[in-house]
């Protein structure tokens, strides 16, 4: 058990920032800064612009998925409010360990339902994205083992079998929310937590299947962004095998516990490794992974920052007592 001071959120955040910086610095040193700069200078902007054009679709799909869940709790919530809630979660999530601030931002932006219930819905949405990363990653891993020679077949096959069993059980529970609800309630030692988990009982198997397919569609969008960005820095990247490499990157990122801020360093390292089998340069793989972080995390965080500030101002103004006196006339 770690001492309390080692488990302080501020210290955890600082440690993740340091680890992310160290990981990126080591990668830059490994690849050489000049190669990274040259790949960026000679990049083909058309591919990068195509990836950038998919950012609104990626954000809309994320907001639409969450909106469908939220409406079960609060039918009066409009799509525009759900989009605002999702965007407000980005800047807070980017600056908190494990992006837990994303849960807080969404819950505090919407006032139509209980904040803990909204956080539970965000968690369910995240778990469905994780399921897509595991399912498509395992399919890609199977093709990878069949096409690549010189690998430690025993180790990779063991990983594949374990992954198949764990993912099958995980996906079954996600696609049967009421069974998941009963399991979690039975395992939960807290009465308050059990009451919060009741929200899962409101969703049917059809709801879960719909959420999975929407998540799979969004997975296809940000995977396409990744392939387009790598091709921007190395146009010779094969399209089909590029998708396999991307699926393996997301699979590795999902399987490895997040110990850096926003997975910086992990995504880039996995990209260099798996795209290396396709003959893609390390600089192109690194720049493509870092570009995905900029497009899908940093840009939405900048867009959502004014919403967070407005939310803060709204909270502050609600604490100011309203005077019942007549207003003083102002000089025009």
Protein backbone atom coordinates (compact mmCIF):
# COMPACT_ATOMS: atom_id res chain seq x y z
CA UNK A 1 0.00 0.00 0.00
CA UNK A 2 1.46 3.33 -1.08
CA UNK A 3 1.65 6.22 1.41
CA UNK A 4 -1.13 8.79 1.13
CA UNK A 5 1.19 11.51 -0.19
CA UNK A 6 2.19 9.25 -3.09
CA UNK A 7 -1.48 8.80 -4.00
CA UNK A 8 -2.25 12.53 -4.12
CA UNK A 9 -3.96 13.47 -7.45
CA UNK A 10 -1.64 16.43 -8.05
CA UNK A 11 1.42 14.23 -7.60
CA UNK A 12 -0.05 11.58 -9.88
CA UNK A 13 -0.72 14.18 -12.55
CA UNK A 14 2.80 15.62 -12.27
CA UNK A 15 4.30 12.13 -12.49
CA UNK A 16 2.30 11.35 -15.62
CA UNK A 17 3.43 14.63 -17.23
CA UNK A 18 7.07 13.82 -16.44
CA UNK A 19 6.75 10.26 -17.75
CA UNK A 20 5.08 11.48 -20.95
CA UNK A 21 7.89 14.00 -21.48
CA UNK A 22 10.56 11.39 -20.81
CA UNK A 23 8.92 8.88 -23.16
CA UNK A 24 8.66 11.42 -26.00
CA UNK A 25 12.22 12.64 -25.39
CA UNK A 26 13.57 9.08 -25.58
CA UNK A 27 11.66 8.45 -28.80
CA UNK A 28 12.93 11.68 -30.35
CA UNK A 29 16.46 10.70 -29.34
CA UNK A 30 15.98 7.23 -30.83
CA UNK A 31 14.60 8.51 -34.14
CA UNK A 32 16.74 11.68 -34.30
CA UNK A 33 15.14 15.10 -34.29
CA UNK A 34 16.40 15.91 -37.79
CA UNK A 35 14.53 12.93 -39.27
CA UNK A 36 11.32 13.96 -37.50
CA UNK A 37 11.68 17.55 -38.73
CA UNK A 38 12.44 16.46 -42.29
CA UNK A 39 9.41 14.15 -42.35
CA UNK A 40 7.22 17.04 -41.15
CA UNK A 41 8.64 19.49 -43.71
CA UNK A 42 8.21 17.10 -46.64
CA UNK A 43 4.74 15.93 -45.56
CA UNK A 44 1.90 15.79 -48.08
CA UNK A 45 -0.71 18.23 -46.71
CA UNK A 46 -3.61 16.65 -48.61
CA UNK A 47 -3.59 13.52 -46.44
CA UNK A 48 -3.31 15.57 -43.26
CA UNK A 49 -6.17 17.85 -44.33
CA UNK A 50 -8.32 14.80 -45.05
CA UNK A 51 -7.63 13.54 -41.50
CA UNK A 52 -8.43 16.98 -40.11
CA UNK A 53 -11.73 17.05 -42.04
CA UNK A 54 -12.81 13.91 -40.16
CA UNK A 55 -12.42 15.56 -36.73
CA UNK A 56 -15.99 17.00 -36.67
CA UNK A 57 -17.43 13.60 -37.63
CA UNK A 58 -15.41 11.91 -34.90
CA UNK A 59 -16.64 14.40 -32.30
CA UNK A 60 -20.25 14.22 -33.50
CA UNK A 61 -20.27 10.42 -33.27
CA UNK A 62 -18.91 10.59 -29.73
CA UNK A 63 -21.54 13.16 -28.73
CA UNK A 64 -24.34 11.25 -30.49
CA UNK A 65 -23.47 8.01 -28.69
CA UNK A 66 -23.52 9.75 -25.33
CA UNK A 67 -26.68 11.66 -26.21
CA UNK A 68 -28.55 8.42 -26.85
CA UNK A 69 -27.56 7.19 -23.39
CA UNK A 70 -28.34 10.46 -21.61
CA UNK A 71 -31.83 10.69 -23.09
CA UNK A 72 -32.77 7.56 -21.15
CA UNK A 73 -32.17 9.53 -17.96
CA UNK A 74 -33.28 12.97 -19.14
CA UNK A 75 -35.44 13.00 -22.31
CA UNK A 76 -35.40 16.81 -22.35
CA UNK A 77 -31.67 16.98 -23.16
CA UNK A 78 -31.05 18.30 -26.67
CA UNK A 79 -28.33 17.14 -29.03
CA UNK A 80 -26.64 20.54 -28.84
CA UNK A 81 -26.35 20.24 -25.06
CA UNK A 82 -24.77 16.80 -25.37
CA UNK A 83 -22.23 18.13 -27.85
CA UNK A 84 -21.38 20.95 -25.44
CA UNK A 85 -21.01 18.51 -22.56
CA UNK A 86 -18.66 16.27 -24.53
CA UNK A 87 -16.53 19.23 -25.64
CA UNK A 88 -16.38 20.60 -22.09
CA UNK A 89 -14.97 17.28 -20.92
CA UNK A 90 -11.96 17.40 -23.24
CA UNK A 91 -9.91 20.20 -21.60
CA UNK A 92 -10.52 18.85 -18.09
CA UNK A 93 -9.89 15.28 -19.18
CA UNK A 94 -6.66 16.18 -20.92
CA UNK A 95 -5.23 17.58 -17.68
CA UNK A 96 -6.31 14.82 -15.31
CA UNK A 97 -4.96 11.28 -14.78
CA UNK A 98 -6.75 8.70 -16.88
CA UNK A 99 -8.88 11.51 -18.36
CA UNK A 100 -11.21 11.24 -15.37
CA UNK A 101 -11.88 14.95 -15.74
CA UNK A 102 -13.88 14.07 -18.82
CA UNK A 103 -16.49 12.50 -16.54
CA UNK A 104 -16.55 15.62 -14.36
CA UNK A 105 -16.81 18.05 -17.27
CA UNK A 106 -19.77 16.27 -18.83
CA UNK A 107 -21.58 15.76 -15.55
CA UNK A 108 -21.24 19.38 -14.45
CA UNK A 109 -22.17 20.78 -17.87
CA UNK A 110 -25.55 19.02 -17.89
CA UNK A 111 -27.94 19.73 -15.04
CA UNK A 112 -30.78 17.47 -16.19
CA UNK A 113 -29.72 14.35 -14.31
CA UNK A 114 -27.63 13.16 -11.38
CA UNK A 115 -23.95 13.84 -11.86
CA UNK A 116 -22.88 10.40 -10.71
CA UNK A 117 -25.34 8.78 -13.09
CA UNK A 118 -23.99 10.86 -15.98
CA UNK A 119 -20.46 9.80 -15.01
CA UNK A 120 -21.61 6.17 -15.08
CA UNK A 121 -22.91 6.66 -18.63
CA UNK A 122 -19.58 8.15 -19.69
CA UNK A 123 -17.83 5.12 -18.21
CA UNK A 124 -20.15 2.78 -20.15
CA UNK A 125 -19.40 4.65 -23.36
CA UNK A 126 -15.66 4.38 -22.72
CA UNK A 127 -15.93 0.67 -22.07
CA UNK A 128 -17.66 0.13 -25.42
CA UNK A 129 -14.83 1.96 -27.20
CA UNK A 130 -12.38 -0.25 -25.34
CA UNK A 131 -14.32 -3.32 -26.51
CA UNK A 132 -13.95 -2.17 -30.14
CA UNK A 133 -10.22 -1.68 -29.68
CA UNK A 134 -9.91 -5.21 -28.30
CA UNK A 135 -12.15 -6.89 -30.90
CA UNK A 136 -10.56 -5.29 -33.95
CA UNK A 137 -7.12 -5.54 -32.39
CA UNK A 138 -7.46 -9.29 -31.91
CA UNK A 139 -8.58 -9.69 -35.53
CA UNK A 140 -5.56 -7.67 -36.65
CA UNK A 141 -3.28 -9.70 -34.36
CA UNK A 142 -4.48 -12.92 -36.00
CA UNK A 143 -3.59 -11.57 -39.47
CA UNK A 144 -0.31 -10.27 -38.11
CA UNK A 145 0.68 -13.72 -36.85
CA UNK A 146 -0.27 -15.32 -40.17
CA UNK A 147 1.70 -12.90 -42.33
CA UNK A 148 4.80 -12.03 -40.29
CA UNK A 149 7.68 -14.49 -40.04
CA UNK A 150 10.39 -14.49 -37.40
CA UNK A 151 8.07 -13.73 -34.49
CA UNK A 152 7.97 -15.60 -31.20
CA UNK A 153 4.89 -17.56 -32.24
CA UNK A 154 4.39 -19.15 -28.81
CA UNK A 155 4.32 -15.83 -26.96
CA UNK A 156 2.08 -14.10 -29.51
CA UNK A 157 -0.29 -17.10 -29.74
CA UNK A 158 -0.58 -17.19 -25.94
CA UNK A 159 -1.40 -13.48 -25.94
CA UNK A 160 -3.98 -14.06 -28.66
CA UNK A 161 -5.72 -16.90 -26.80
CA UNK A 162 -5.83 -15.01 -23.52
CA UNK A 163 -7.09 -11.94 -25.31
CA UNK A 164 -9.86 -13.87 -27.04
CA UNK A 165 -11.15 -15.36 -23.79
CA UNK A 166 -11.01 -12.09 -21.86
CA UNK A 167 -12.52 -10.04 -24.69
CA UNK A 168 -15.33 -12.52 -25.27
CA UNK A 169 -16.34 -12.35 -21.59
CA UNK A 170 -15.98 -8.57 -21.52
CA UNK A 171 -18.02 -8.10 -24.70
CA UNK A 172 -20.76 -10.47 -23.49
CA UNK A 173 -21.25 -8.41 -20.33
CA UNK A 174 -21.28 -5.12 -22.24
CA UNK A 175 -23.87 -6.42 -24.70
CA UNK A 176 -26.05 -7.68 -21.82
CA UNK A 177 -26.27 -4.59 -19.57
CA UNK A 178 -28.80 -6.09 -17.18
CA UNK A 179 -26.57 -9.10 -16.56
CA UNK A 180 -23.69 -6.69 -16.04
CA UNK A 181 -25.85 -4.70 -13.64
CA UNK A 182 -26.66 -7.79 -11.56
CA UNK A 183 -22.99 -8.81 -11.49
CA UNK A 184 -21.72 -5.40 -10.41
CA UNK A 185 -24.45 -4.96 -7.80
CA UNK A 186 -23.58 -8.37 -6.37
CA UNK A 187 -19.89 -7.50 -6.18
CA UNK A 188 -20.31 -3.96 -4.90
CA UNK A 189 -19.72 -3.52 -1.14
CA UNK A 190 -21.23 -0.02 -1.09
CA UNK A 191 -24.95 0.70 -0.96
CA UNK A 192 -24.40 4.08 -2.62
CA UNK A 193 -22.48 2.49 -5.48
CA UNK A 194 -25.22 -0.09 -5.92
CA UNK A 195 -27.80 2.69 -6.22
CA UNK A 196 -25.69 4.42 -8.87
CA UNK A 197 -25.36 1.20 -10.84
CA UNK A 198 -29.12 0.98 -11.19
CA UNK A 199 -28.81 3.17 -14.27
CA UNK A 200 -27.45 0.13 -16.16
CA UNK A 201 -30.72 -1.67 -15.60
CA UNK A 202 -32.51 0.90 -17.75
CA UNK A 203 -30.76 -0.25 -20.91
CA UNK A 204 -31.69 -3.26 -23.00
CA UNK A 205 -29.62 -5.56 -25.16
CA UNK A 206 -30.74 -3.61 -28.23
CA UNK A 207 -29.41 -0.40 -26.66
CA UNK A 208 -26.05 -2.03 -26.03
CA UNK A 209 -25.84 -3.41 -29.57
CA UNK A 210 -26.65 0.01 -31.01
CA UNK A 211 -23.94 1.57 -28.85
CA UNK A 212 -21.44 -1.04 -29.99
CA UNK A 213 -22.06 -0.44 -33.69
CA UNK A 214 -21.87 3.33 -33.23
CA UNK A 215 -18.61 2.81 -31.36
CA UNK A 216 -17.34 0.59 -34.18
CA UNK A 217 -18.22 3.32 -36.68
CA UNK A 218 -16.32 5.91 -34.65
CA UNK A 219 -13.43 3.45 -34.33
CA UNK A 220 -13.34 3.29 -38.12
CA UNK A 221 -13.26 7.09 -38.34
CA UNK A 222 -10.30 7.66 -36.02
CA UNK A 223 -8.48 4.65 -37.47
CA UNK A 224 -8.85 6.23 -40.91
CA UNK A 225 -7.48 9.48 -39.49
CA UNK A 226 -4.45 7.60 -38.19
CA UNK A 227 -3.77 5.92 -41.55
CA UNK A 228 -4.18 9.21 -43.40
CA UNK A 229 -1.75 10.97 -41.06
CA UNK A 230 0.91 8.28 -41.45
CA UNK A 231 0.49 8.45 -45.22
CA UNK A 232 0.94 12.21 -45.02
CA UNK A 233 4.48 11.60 -43.79
CA UNK A 234 5.09 8.41 -45.81
CA UNK A 235 2.78 8.10 -48.86
CA UNK A 236 4.09 4.61 -49.59
CA UNK A 237 2.24 3.22 -46.54
CA UNK A 238 -0.02 0.40 -47.78
CA UNK A 239 -3.67 1.14 -47.05
CA UNK A 240 -4.95 -2.28 -45.97
CA UNK A 241 -1.93 -3.19 -43.86
CA UNK A 242 -1.92 0.33 -42.52
CA UNK A 243 -5.32 -0.38 -40.93
CA UNK A 244 -3.94 -3.60 -39.44
CA UNK A 245 -1.02 -1.68 -37.92
CA UNK A 246 -3.40 0.94 -36.51
CA UNK A 247 -5.61 -1.74 -34.97
CA UNK A 248 -2.55 -3.29 -33.33
CA UNK A 249 -1.47 0.12 -31.99
CA UNK A 250 -4.87 0.70 -30.38
CA UNK A 251 -4.90 -2.87 -29.08
CA UNK A 252 -1.50 -2.39 -27.44
CA UNK A 253 -2.52 0.99 -26.03
CA UNK A 254 -5.67 -0.57 -24.54
CA UNK A 255 -3.83 -3.55 -23.07
CA UNK A 256 -1.05 -1.47 -21.47
CA UNK A 257 -2.11 0.48 -18.34
CA UNK A 258 -1.95 4.23 -18.91
CA UNK A 259 1.03 5.60 -16.99
CA UNK A 260 1.61 8.76 -19.04
CA UNK A 261 -0.53 11.83 -19.66
CA UNK A 262 -3.05 11.13 -22.48
CA UNK A 263 -1.03 7.99 -23.40
CA UNK A 264 1.74 10.16 -24.87
CA UNK A 265 4.71 7.97 -25.67
CA UNK A 266 2.76 4.69 -25.57
CA UNK A 267 0.83 5.40 -28.77
CA UNK A 268 3.95 6.66 -30.53
CA UNK A 269 6.11 3.70 -29.43
CA UNK A 270 3.51 1.16 -30.56
CA UNK A 271 3.14 3.03 -33.86
CA UNK A 272 6.88 2.89 -34.52
CA UNK A 273 6.95 -0.83 -33.72
CA UNK A 274 3.98 -2.04 -35.77
CA UNK A 275 4.36 0.32 -38.72
CA UNK A 276 8.00 -0.72 -38.84
CA UNK A 277 6.89 -4.13 -40.17
CA UNK A 278 5.44 -2.29 -43.19
CA UNK A 279 8.68 -0.49 -43.92
CA UNK A 280 7.29 2.85 -42.70
CA UNK A 281 9.98 5.15 -41.38
CA UNK A 282 10.13 5.71 -37.64
CA UNK A 283 9.75 9.46 -38.12
CA UNK A 284 6.56 9.02 -40.18
CA UNK A 285 5.04 6.63 -37.62
CA UNK A 286 5.95 8.97 -34.75
CA UNK A 287 4.58 12.07 -36.49
CA UNK A 288 1.38 10.28 -37.48
CA UNK A 289 0.67 9.15 -33.90
CA UNK A 290 1.49 12.57 -32.48
CA UNK A 291 -0.69 14.21 -35.13
CA UNK A 292 -3.62 12.03 -34.05
CA UNK A 293 -3.16 13.29 -30.49
CA UNK A 294 -3.20 16.90 -31.73
CA UNK A 295 -6.28 16.44 -33.94
CA UNK A 296 -8.45 14.30 -31.67
CA UNK A 297 -7.47 15.47 -28.19
CA UNK A 298 -5.68 18.80 -28.23
CA UNK A 299 -7.90 20.60 -30.78
CA UNK A 300 -11.20 19.51 -29.12
CA UNK A 301 -9.73 20.59 -25.77
CA UNK A 302 -9.04 24.07 -27.16
CA UNK A 303 -12.57 24.24 -28.60
CA UNK A 304 -14.11 23.09 -25.31
CA UNK A 305 -12.06 25.44 -23.11
CA UNK A 306 -14.48 28.41 -23.50
CA UNK A 307 -17.34 26.11 -22.47
CA UNK A 308 -15.48 25.18 -19.30
CA UNK A 309 -14.80 28.84 -18.51
CA UNK A 310 -18.44 29.70 -19.14
CA UNK A 311 -19.50 26.81 -16.92
CA UNK A 312 -17.22 28.15 -14.18
CA UNK A 313 -18.62 31.66 -14.53
CA UNK A 314 -22.15 30.32 -14.40
CA UNK A 315 -21.35 28.46 -11.19
CA UNK A 316 -19.78 31.55 -9.65
CA UNK A 317 -22.68 33.79 -10.60
CA UNK A 318 -25.16 31.36 -9.07
CA UNK A 319 -23.47 31.94 -5.71
CA UNK A 320 -23.97 35.73 -5.84
CA UNK A 321 -27.08 36.82 -3.89
CA UNK A 322 -29.66 38.56 -5.99
CA UNK A 323 -30.62 42.01 -4.69
CA UNK A 324 -34.26 42.91 -4.40
CA UNK A 325 -33.61 46.66 -4.48
CA UNK A 326 -34.53 48.79 -7.44
CA UNK A 327 -31.67 49.19 -9.91
CA UNK A 328 -29.82 52.48 -9.86
CA UNK A 329 -30.32 54.49 -13.06
CA UNK A 330 -27.19 54.58 -15.22
CA UNK A 331 -26.00 57.59 -17.18
CA UNK A 332 -26.24 57.03 -20.88
